[in-house]
Amino acid sequence: MKNSAFLKGMAHGIPIALGYLSVSFGFGIMAVKSGLSVLESTLISLTNLTSAGQAAGVEVIASGGTLAEMVLVQLTINIRYALMSLSLSQKLDKNFTFPHRMAAAFGITDEIFGVCAAQKEPLTPLYMYGMILIAALGWTAGTFLGAFAGQLLPAPVSAALGIVLYGMFLALIVPPSRKEKSVLCVVLTAALLSVICKYLVPKLSGGFAVILCAVSASVLGALLFPRKEESA
């Protein structure tokens, strides 16, 4: 029974791992181009499962940012994982003790959250461990292959393949932007602020630029498009 739960988690994680393999390939190339070694790039993906957070973190490292800047960037970008974890806490099996919760929290990503949230049965530790294991292997392997290839491929080819990571970001924001004016407003505002920071405030570090753009765009979206409270 226990093995079946673990294998079920691995089976549900295979499509996620395959997607991560291609996307993290782009991250590996980007990390090497930013001055990191293959080992450093791979270790970042092994210990972090956050595409946007890793991309922003590498930018902070490449620009010589401070630890405080890194903390603020990661908090701003990854705070959504805390909300996802709170949501999944309502679906956990009784065997999910505090140590299990801490271990499983490491592997909460957008895709893993989506699959777990769709399950009708309570989530067991082994089920989540199986999914997280295979997904993390895909993410780490893709990073290693991308970083290794980035050292060997010609610069034009590496630059072209490096776009894969940004393509994933576009795939995440374009569909909801077409459906919701509020999302489109936030995305365009963040893009405009990013351009302003880049060309009008060149001395502003990349990390603080991400924080400024993300927080400012989110606040504007909340003010212009407040969510109406649902009636009981």
C-alpha atoms as a PDB file:
ATOM      1  CA  MET A   1       0.000   0.000   0.000  1.00  0.00           C
ATOM      2  CA  LYS A   2       2.793   2.373   0.933  1.00  0.00           C
ATOM      3  CA  ASN A   3       4.804   1.507  -2.177  1.00  0.00           C
ATOM      4  CA  SER A   4       1.752   2.001  -4.366  1.00  0.00           C
ATOM      5  CA  ALA A   5       1.282   5.540  -3.020  1.00  0.00           C
ATOM      6  CA  PHE A   6       4.926   6.381  -3.736  1.00  0.00           C
ATOM      7  CA  LEU A   7       4.752   4.907  -7.247  1.00  0.00           C
ATOM      8  CA  LYS A   8       1.497   6.736  -7.909  1.00  0.00           C
ATOM      9  CA  GLY A   9       3.188   9.995  -6.944  1.00  0.00           C
ATOM     10  CA  MET A  10       6.088   9.225  -9.267  1.00  0.00           C
ATOM     11  CA  ALA A  11       3.705   8.413 -12.116  1.00  0.00           C
ATOM     12  CA  HIS A  12       1.855  11.697 -11.636  1.00  0.00           C
ATOM     13  CA  GLY A  13       5.193  13.501 -11.479  1.00  0.00           C
ATOM     14  CA  ILE A  14       6.585  12.171 -14.773  1.00  0.00           C
ATOM     15  CA  PRO A  15       4.792  14.738 -16.995  1.00  0.00           C
ATOM     16  CA  ILE A  16       5.998  17.486 -14.639  1.00  0.00           C
ATOM     17  CA  ALA A  17       9.556  16.159 -14.798  1.00  0.00           C
ATOM     18  CA  LEU A  18       9.504  16.100 -18.599  1.00  0.00           C
ATOM     19  CA  GLY A  19       8.330  19.710 -18.691  1.00  0.00           C
ATOM     20  CA  TYR A  20      10.948  20.719 -16.146  1.00  0.00           C
ATOM     21  CA  LEU A  21      13.668  18.971 -18.160  1.00  0.00           C
ATOM     22  CA  SER A  22      13.191  21.294 -21.120  1.00  0.00           C
ATOM     23  CA  VAL A  23      12.614  24.480 -19.131  1.00  0.00           C
ATOM     24  CA  SER A  24      15.542  24.008 -16.741  1.00  0.00           C
ATOM     25  CA  PHE A  25      17.778  23.414 -19.766  1.00  0.00           C
ATOM     26  CA  GLY A  26      17.294  27.103 -20.503  1.00  0.00           C
ATOM     27  CA  PHE A  27      18.056  28.014 -16.903  1.00  0.00           C
ATOM     28  CA  GLY A  28      21.298  26.030 -17.041  1.00  0.00           C
ATOM     29  CA  ILE A  29      22.426  27.953 -20.107  1.00  0.00           C
ATOM     30  CA  MET A  30      21.476  31.268 -18.523  1.00  0.00           C
ATOM     31  CA  ALA A  31      23.330  30.428 -15.291  1.00  0.00           C
ATOM     32  CA  VAL A  32      26.547  29.530 -17.112  1.00  0.00           C
ATOM     33  CA  LYS A  33      26.316  32.671 -19.240  1.00  0.00           C
ATOM     34  CA  SER A  34      26.036  34.651 -15.985  1.00  0.00           C
ATOM     35  CA  GLY A  35      29.371  33.291 -14.779  1.00  0.00           C
ATOM     36  CA  LEU A  36      28.371  30.260 -12.721  1.00  0.00           C
ATOM     37  CA  SER A  37      29.987  26.870 -13.174  1.00  0.00           C
ATOM     38  CA  VAL A  38      28.132  23.698 -14.184  1.00  0.00           C
ATOM     39  CA  LEU A  39      28.366  22.409 -10.600  1.00  0.00           C
ATOM     40  CA  GLU A  40      27.104  25.662  -9.089  1.00  0.00           C
ATOM     41  CA  SER A  41      24.211  25.841 -11.541  1.00  0.00           C
ATOM     42  CA  THR A  42      23.231  22.231 -10.847  1.00  0.00           C
ATOM     43  CA  LEU A  43      23.409  22.675  -7.070  1.00  0.00           C
ATOM     44  CA  ILE A  44      21.124  25.707  -7.282  1.00  0.00           C
ATOM     45  CA  SER A  45      18.463  23.617  -9.008  1.00  0.00           C
ATOM     46  CA  LEU A  46      19.016  20.681  -6.656  1.00  0.00           C
ATOM     47  CA  THR A  47      18.365  22.831  -3.596  1.00  0.00           C
ATOM     48  CA  ASN A  48      15.733  25.160  -5.102  1.00  0.00           C
ATOM     49  CA  LEU A  49      12.636  24.339  -7.093  1.00  0.00           C
ATOM     50  CA  THR A  50      11.598  27.779  -8.253  1.00  0.00           C
ATOM     51  CA  SER A  51      12.198  28.806 -11.848  1.00  0.00           C
ATOM     52  CA  ALA A  52      11.443  32.512 -11.485  1.00  0.00           C
ATOM     53  CA  GLY A  53      13.203  32.688  -8.136  1.00  0.00           C
ATOM     54  CA  GLN A  54      16.304  30.992  -9.506  1.00  0.00           C
ATOM     55  CA  ALA A  55      16.417  33.240 -12.565  1.00  0.00           C
ATOM     56  CA  ALA A  56      16.145  36.344 -10.381  1.00  0.00           C
ATOM     57  CA  GLY A  57      18.650  34.925  -7.914  1.00  0.00           C
ATOM     58  CA  VAL A  58      21.247  34.327 -10.621  1.00  0.00           C
ATOM     59  CA  GLU A  59      20.776  37.914 -11.747  1.00  0.00           C
ATOM     60  CA  VAL A  60      21.428  39.126  -8.205  1.00  0.00           C
ATOM     61  CA  ILE A  61      24.559  36.979  -8.005  1.00  0.00           C
ATOM     62  CA  ALA A  62      25.822  38.133 -11.409  1.00  0.00           C
ATOM     63  CA  SER A  63      25.328  41.789 -10.483  1.00  0.00           C
ATOM     64  CA  GLY A  64      27.115  41.386  -7.134  1.00  0.00           C
ATOM     65  CA  GLY A  65      23.989  42.000  -5.057  1.00  0.00           C
ATOM     66  CA  THR A  66      23.831  41.732  -1.277  1.00  0.00           C
ATOM     67  CA  LEU A  67      22.317  38.945   0.818  1.00  0.00           C
ATOM     68  CA  ALA A  68      19.560  41.326   1.940  1.00  0.00           C
ATOM     69  CA  GLU A  69      18.696  41.975  -1.683  1.00  0.00           C
ATOM     70  CA  MET A  70      18.606  38.233  -2.388  1.00  0.00           C
ATOM     71  CA  VAL A  71      16.290  37.611   0.562  1.00  0.00           C
ATOM     72  CA  LEU A  72      13.866  40.345  -0.497  1.00  0.00           C
ATOM     73  CA  VAL A  73      13.833  39.148  -4.106  1.00  0.00           C
ATOM     74  CA  GLN A  74      13.110  35.561  -3.140  1.00  0.00           C
ATOM     75  CA  LEU A  75      10.458  36.586  -0.624  1.00  0.00           C
ATOM     76  CA  THR A  76       8.687  38.725  -3.207  1.00  0.00           C
ATOM     77  CA  ILE A  77       8.763  36.111  -5.955  1.00  0.00           C
ATOM     78  CA  ASN A  78       8.179  32.956  -3.887  1.00  0.00           C
ATOM     79  CA  ILE A  79       5.629  34.117  -1.314  1.00  0.00           C
ATOM     80  CA  ARG A  80       2.957  32.376  -3.402  1.00  0.00           C
ATOM     81  CA  TYR A  81       4.336  28.994  -2.339  1.00  0.00           C
ATOM     82  CA  ALA A  82       3.389  29.735   1.250  1.00  0.00           C
ATOM     83  CA  LEU A  83      -0.196  30.350   0.136  1.00  0.00           C
ATOM     84  CA  MET A  84      -0.181  27.123  -1.888  1.00  0.00           C
ATOM     85  CA  SER A  85       1.073  25.200   1.131  1.00  0.00           C
ATOM     86  CA  LEU A  86      -1.687  26.641   3.303  1.00  0.00           C
ATOM     87  CA  SER A  87      -4.240  25.529   0.729  1.00  0.00           C
ATOM     88  CA  LEU A  88      -2.843  22.000   0.513  1.00  0.00           C
ATOM     89  CA  SER A  89      -2.754  21.702   4.300  1.00  0.00           C
ATOM     90  CA  GLN A  90      -6.520  21.146   4.141  1.00  0.00           C
ATOM     91  CA  LYS A  91      -6.019  18.020   2.029  1.00  0.00           C
ATOM     92  CA  LEU A  92      -3.290  16.281   4.013  1.00  0.00           C
ATOM     93  CA  ASP A  93      -3.643  12.767   5.392  1.00  0.00           C
ATOM     94  CA  LYS A  94      -3.510  12.239   9.163  1.00  0.00           C
ATOM     95  CA  ASN A  95      -0.041  10.675   8.737  1.00  0.00           C
ATOM     96  CA  PHE A  96       1.336  14.056   7.689  1.00  0.00           C
ATOM     97  CA  THR A  97       3.224  14.920  10.860  1.00  0.00           C
ATOM     98  CA  PHE A  98       5.145  18.173  11.248  1.00  0.00           C
ATOM     99  CA  PRO A  99       8.469  16.738   9.935  1.00  0.00           C
ATOM    100  CA  HIS A 100       6.654  15.410   6.869  1.00  0.00           C
ATOM    101  CA  ARG A 101       5.062  18.800   6.313  1.00  0.00           C
ATOM    102  CA  MET A 102       8.453  20.496   6.444  1.00  0.00           C
ATOM    103  CA  ALA A 103       9.955  17.996   3.996  1.00  0.00           C
ATOM    104  CA  ALA A 104       7.046  18.190   1.542  1.00  0.00           C
ATOM    105  CA  ALA A 105       7.029  21.995   1.663  1.00  0.00           C
ATOM    106  CA  PHE A 106      10.422  21.957  -0.057  1.00  0.00           C
ATOM    107  CA  GLY A 107       8.838  20.509  -3.195  1.00  0.00           C
ATOM    108  CA  ILE A 108       5.784  22.740  -3.556  1.00  0.00           C
ATOM    109  CA  THR A 109       5.795  24.266  -7.035  1.00  0.00           C
ATOM    110  CA  ASP A 110       3.016  25.621  -9.240  1.00  0.00           C
ATOM    111  CA  GLU A 111       2.727  22.344 -11.146  1.00  0.00           C
ATOM    112  CA  ILE A 112       2.967  20.043  -8.125  1.00  0.00           C
ATOM    113  CA  PHE A 113       0.394  22.170  -6.325  1.00  0.00           C
ATOM    114  CA  GLY A 114      -1.955  21.883  -9.299  1.00  0.00           C
ATOM    115  CA  VAL A 115      -1.703  18.089  -9.430  1.00  0.00           C
ATOM    116  CA  CYS A 116      -2.059  17.704  -5.651  1.00  0.00           C
ATOM    117  CA  ALA A 117      -5.018  20.054  -5.503  1.00  0.00           C
ATOM    118  CA  ALA A 118      -6.805  17.977  -8.142  1.00  0.00           C
ATOM    119  CA  GLN A 119      -6.569  14.757  -6.091  1.00  0.00           C
ATOM    120  CA  LYS A 120      -9.819  13.620  -4.499  1.00  0.00           C
ATOM    121  CA  GLU A 121      -8.161  11.461  -1.846  1.00  0.00           C
ATOM    122  CA  PRO A 122      -6.194  12.901   1.106  1.00  0.00           C
ATOM    123  CA  LEU A 123      -2.539  13.499   0.288  1.00  0.00           C
ATOM    124  CA  THR A 124      -0.098  11.103   1.924  1.00  0.00           C
ATOM    125  CA  PRO A 125       3.600  11.813   2.558  1.00  0.00           C
ATOM    126  CA  LEU A 126       4.767   9.008   0.245  1.00  0.00           C
ATOM    127  CA  TYR A 127       2.562  10.216  -2.596  1.00  0.00           C
ATOM    128  CA  MET A 128       4.025  13.710  -2.424  1.00  0.00           C
ATOM    129  CA  TYR A 129       7.570  12.404  -1.964  1.00  0.00           C
ATOM    130  CA  GLY A 130       7.245  10.306  -5.117  1.00  0.00           C
ATOM    131  CA  MET A 131       6.026  13.269  -7.143  1.00  0.00           C
ATOM    132  CA  ILE A 132       8.613  15.666  -5.713  1.00  0.00           C
ATOM    133  CA  LEU A 133      11.456  13.191  -6.277  1.00  0.00           C
ATOM    134  CA  ILE A 134      10.804  12.635  -9.980  1.00  0.00           C
ATOM    135  CA  ALA A 135      10.045  16.328 -10.588  1.00  0.00           C
ATOM    136  CA  ALA A 136      13.229  17.439  -8.811  1.00  0.00           C
ATOM    137  CA  LEU A 137      15.286  14.936 -10.806  1.00  0.00           C
ATOM    138  CA  GLY A 138      13.876  16.335 -14.045  1.00  0.00           C
ATOM    139  CA  TRP A 139      14.581  19.911 -12.984  1.00  0.00           C
ATOM    140  CA  THR A 140      18.118  19.152 -11.818  1.00  0.00           C
ATOM    141  CA  ALA A 141      19.011  16.963 -14.809  1.00  0.00           C
ATOM    142  CA  GLY A 142      17.781  19.605 -17.237  1.00  0.00           C
ATOM    143  CA  THR A 143      19.864  22.259 -15.502  1.00  0.00           C
ATOM    144  CA  PHE A 144      22.983  20.096 -15.659  1.00  0.00           C
ATOM    145  CA  LEU A 145      22.494  19.353 -19.355  1.00  0.00           C
ATOM    146  CA  GLY A 146      21.809  23.011 -20.141  1.00  0.00           C
ATOM    147  CA  ALA A 147      24.799  24.254 -18.163  1.00  0.00           C
ATOM    148  CA  PHE A 148      27.074  21.642 -19.728  1.00  0.00           C
ATOM    149  CA  ALA A 149      25.818  22.405 -23.236  1.00  0.00           C
ATOM    150  CA  GLY A 150      26.165  26.134 -22.598  1.00  0.00           C
ATOM    151  CA  GLN A 151      29.904  25.686 -22.245  1.00  0.00           C
ATOM    152  CA  LEU A 152      30.215  23.792 -25.531  1.00  0.00           C
ATOM    153  CA  LEU A 153      27.653  25.284 -27.896  1.00  0.00           C
ATOM    154  CA  PRO A 154      28.409  28.371 -30.005  1.00  0.00           C
ATOM    155  CA  ALA A 155      27.252  31.661 -28.464  1.00  0.00           C
ATOM    156  CA  PRO A 156      24.378  32.236 -30.958  1.00  0.00           C
ATOM    157  CA  VAL A 157      22.972  28.751 -30.300  1.00  0.00           C
ATOM    158  CA  SER A 158      23.279  29.146 -26.518  1.00  0.00           C
ATOM    159  CA  ALA A 159      21.518  32.498 -26.692  1.00  0.00           C
ATOM    160  CA  ALA A 160      18.674  30.984 -28.705  1.00  0.00           C
ATOM    161  CA  LEU A 161      18.220  28.038 -26.329  1.00  0.00           C
ATOM    162  CA  GLY A 162      18.370  30.360 -23.331  1.00  0.00           C
ATOM    163  CA  ILE A 163      15.047  31.835 -24.430  1.00  0.00           C
ATOM    164  CA  VAL A 164      13.299  28.617 -23.335  1.00  0.00           C
ATOM    165  CA  LEU A 165      13.086  29.785 -19.715  1.00  0.00           C
ATOM    166  CA  TYR A 166      11.510  33.096 -20.700  1.00  0.00           C
ATOM    167  CA  GLY A 167       9.151  31.230 -23.015  1.00  0.00           C
ATOM    168  CA  MET A 168       7.817  29.396 -19.975  1.00  0.00           C
ATOM    169  CA  PHE A 169       7.182  32.693 -18.199  1.00  0.00           C
ATOM    170  CA  LEU A 170       5.249  33.942 -21.225  1.00  0.00           C
ATOM    171  CA  ALA A 171       3.242  30.729 -21.317  1.00  0.00           C
ATOM    172  CA  LEU A 172       2.233  31.362 -17.696  1.00  0.00           C
ATOM    173  CA  ILE A 173       1.130  34.981 -18.079  1.00  0.00           C
ATOM    174  CA  VAL A 174      -0.345  35.185 -21.608  1.00  0.00           C
ATOM    175  CA  PRO A 175      -3.436  32.925 -21.141  1.00  0.00           C
ATOM    176  CA  PRO A 176      -4.672  34.612 -17.922  1.00  0.00           C
ATOM    177  CA  SER A 177      -3.837  38.038 -19.398  1.00  0.00           C
ATOM    178  CA  ARG A 178      -6.185  37.342 -22.301  1.00  0.00           C
ATOM    179  CA  LYS A 179      -9.000  36.391 -19.950  1.00  0.00           C
ATOM    180  CA  GLU A 180      -8.617  38.957 -17.159  1.00  0.00           C
ATOM    181  CA  LYS A 181      -8.085  42.692 -17.633  1.00  0.00           C
ATOM    182  CA  SER A 182      -6.667  42.901 -14.122  1.00  0.00           C
ATOM    183  CA  VAL A 183      -3.892  40.427 -14.938  1.00  0.00           C
ATOM    184  CA  LEU A 184      -3.117  42.203 -18.204  1.00  0.00           C
ATOM    185  CA  CYS A 185      -2.889  45.524 -16.373  1.00  0.00           C
ATOM    186  CA  VAL A 186      -0.482  44.120 -13.782  1.00  0.00           C
ATOM    187  CA  VAL A 187       1.700  42.469 -16.441  1.00  0.00           C
ATOM    188  CA  LEU A 188       1.912  45.599 -18.608  1.00  0.00           C
ATOM    189  CA  THR A 189       2.600  47.785 -15.584  1.00  0.00           C
ATOM    190  CA  ALA A 190       5.415  45.510 -14.422  1.00  0.00           C
ATOM    191  CA  ALA A 191       6.894  45.477 -17.937  1.00  0.00           C
ATOM    192  CA  LEU A 192       6.725  49.272 -18.207  1.00  0.00           C
ATOM    193  CA  LEU A 193       8.317  49.760 -14.788  1.00  0.00           C
ATOM    194  CA  SER A 194      11.041  47.300 -15.735  1.00  0.00           C
ATOM    195  CA  VAL A 195      11.885  49.341 -18.838  1.00  0.00           C
ATOM    196  CA  ILE A 196      11.922  52.537 -16.789  1.00  0.00           C
ATOM    197  CA  CYS A 197      14.262  50.986 -14.221  1.00  0.00           C
ATOM    198  CA  LYS A 198      16.526  49.673 -16.949  1.00  0.00           C
ATOM    199  CA  TYR A 199      17.005  52.921 -18.855  1.00  0.00           C
ATOM    200  CA  LEU A 200      16.117  55.746 -16.461  1.00  0.00           C
ATOM    201  CA  VAL A 201      17.528  54.286 -13.259  1.00  0.00           C
ATOM    202  CA  PRO A 202      20.535  52.288 -14.527  1.00  0.00           C
ATOM    203  CA  LYS A 203      22.248  52.287 -11.123  1.00  0.00           C
ATOM    204  CA  LEU A 204      19.352  50.380  -9.544  1.00  0.00           C
ATOM    205  CA  SER A 205      20.390  46.737  -9.139  1.00  0.00           C
ATOM    206  CA  GLY A 206      18.460  44.004 -10.900  1.00  0.00           C
ATOM    207  CA  GLY A 207      17.243  42.473  -7.655  1.00  0.00           C
ATOM    208  CA  PHE A 208      15.709  45.652  -6.285  1.00  0.00           C
ATOM    209  CA  ALA A 209      14.269  46.399  -9.729  1.00  0.00           C
ATOM    210  CA  VAL A 210      12.384  43.076  -9.596  1.00  0.00           C
ATOM    211  CA  ILE A 211      11.061  43.886  -6.115  1.00  0.00           C
ATOM    212  CA  LEU A 212      10.002  47.415  -7.112  1.00  0.00           C
ATOM    213  CA  CYS A 213       8.267  46.314 -10.305  1.00  0.00           C
ATOM    214  CA  ALA A 214       6.502  43.307  -8.777  1.00  0.00           C
ATOM    215  CA  VAL A 215       5.235  45.077  -5.657  1.00  0.00           C
ATOM    216  CA  SER A 216       4.232  48.301  -7.449  1.00  0.00           C
ATOM    217  CA  ALA A 217       2.348  46.451 -10.202  1.00  0.00           C
ATOM    218  CA  SER A 218       0.590  44.225  -7.656  1.00  0.00           C
ATOM    219  CA  VAL A 219      -0.477  47.189  -5.515  1.00  0.00           C
ATOM    220  CA  LEU A 220      -1.814  49.024  -8.571  1.00  0.00           C
ATOM    221  CA  GLY A 221      -3.737  45.931  -9.628  1.00  0.00           C
ATOM    222  CA  ALA A 222      -5.243  45.551  -6.151  1.00  0.00           C
ATOM    223  CA  LEU A 223      -6.329  49.202  -6.122  1.00  0.00           C
ATOM    224  CA  LEU A 224      -7.812  49.226  -9.629  1.00  0.00           C
ATOM    225  CA  PHE A 225      -9.352  45.763  -9.551  1.00  0.00           C
ATOM    226  CA  PRO A 226     -10.320  44.899  -5.952  1.00  0.00           C
ATOM    227  CA  ARG A 227     -11.881  41.460  -5.459  1.00  0.00           C
ATOM    228  CA  LYS A 228     -15.461  41.583  -4.315  1.00  0.00           C
ATOM    229  CA  GLU A 229     -16.215  39.693  -1.132  1.00  0.00           C
ATOM    230  CA  GLU A 230     -18.348  36.621  -1.727  1.00  0.00           C
ATOM    231  CA  SER A 231     -21.624  36.597   0.114  1.00  0.00           C
ATOM    232  CA  ALA A 232     -22.062  33.795   2.626  1.00  0.00           C
END
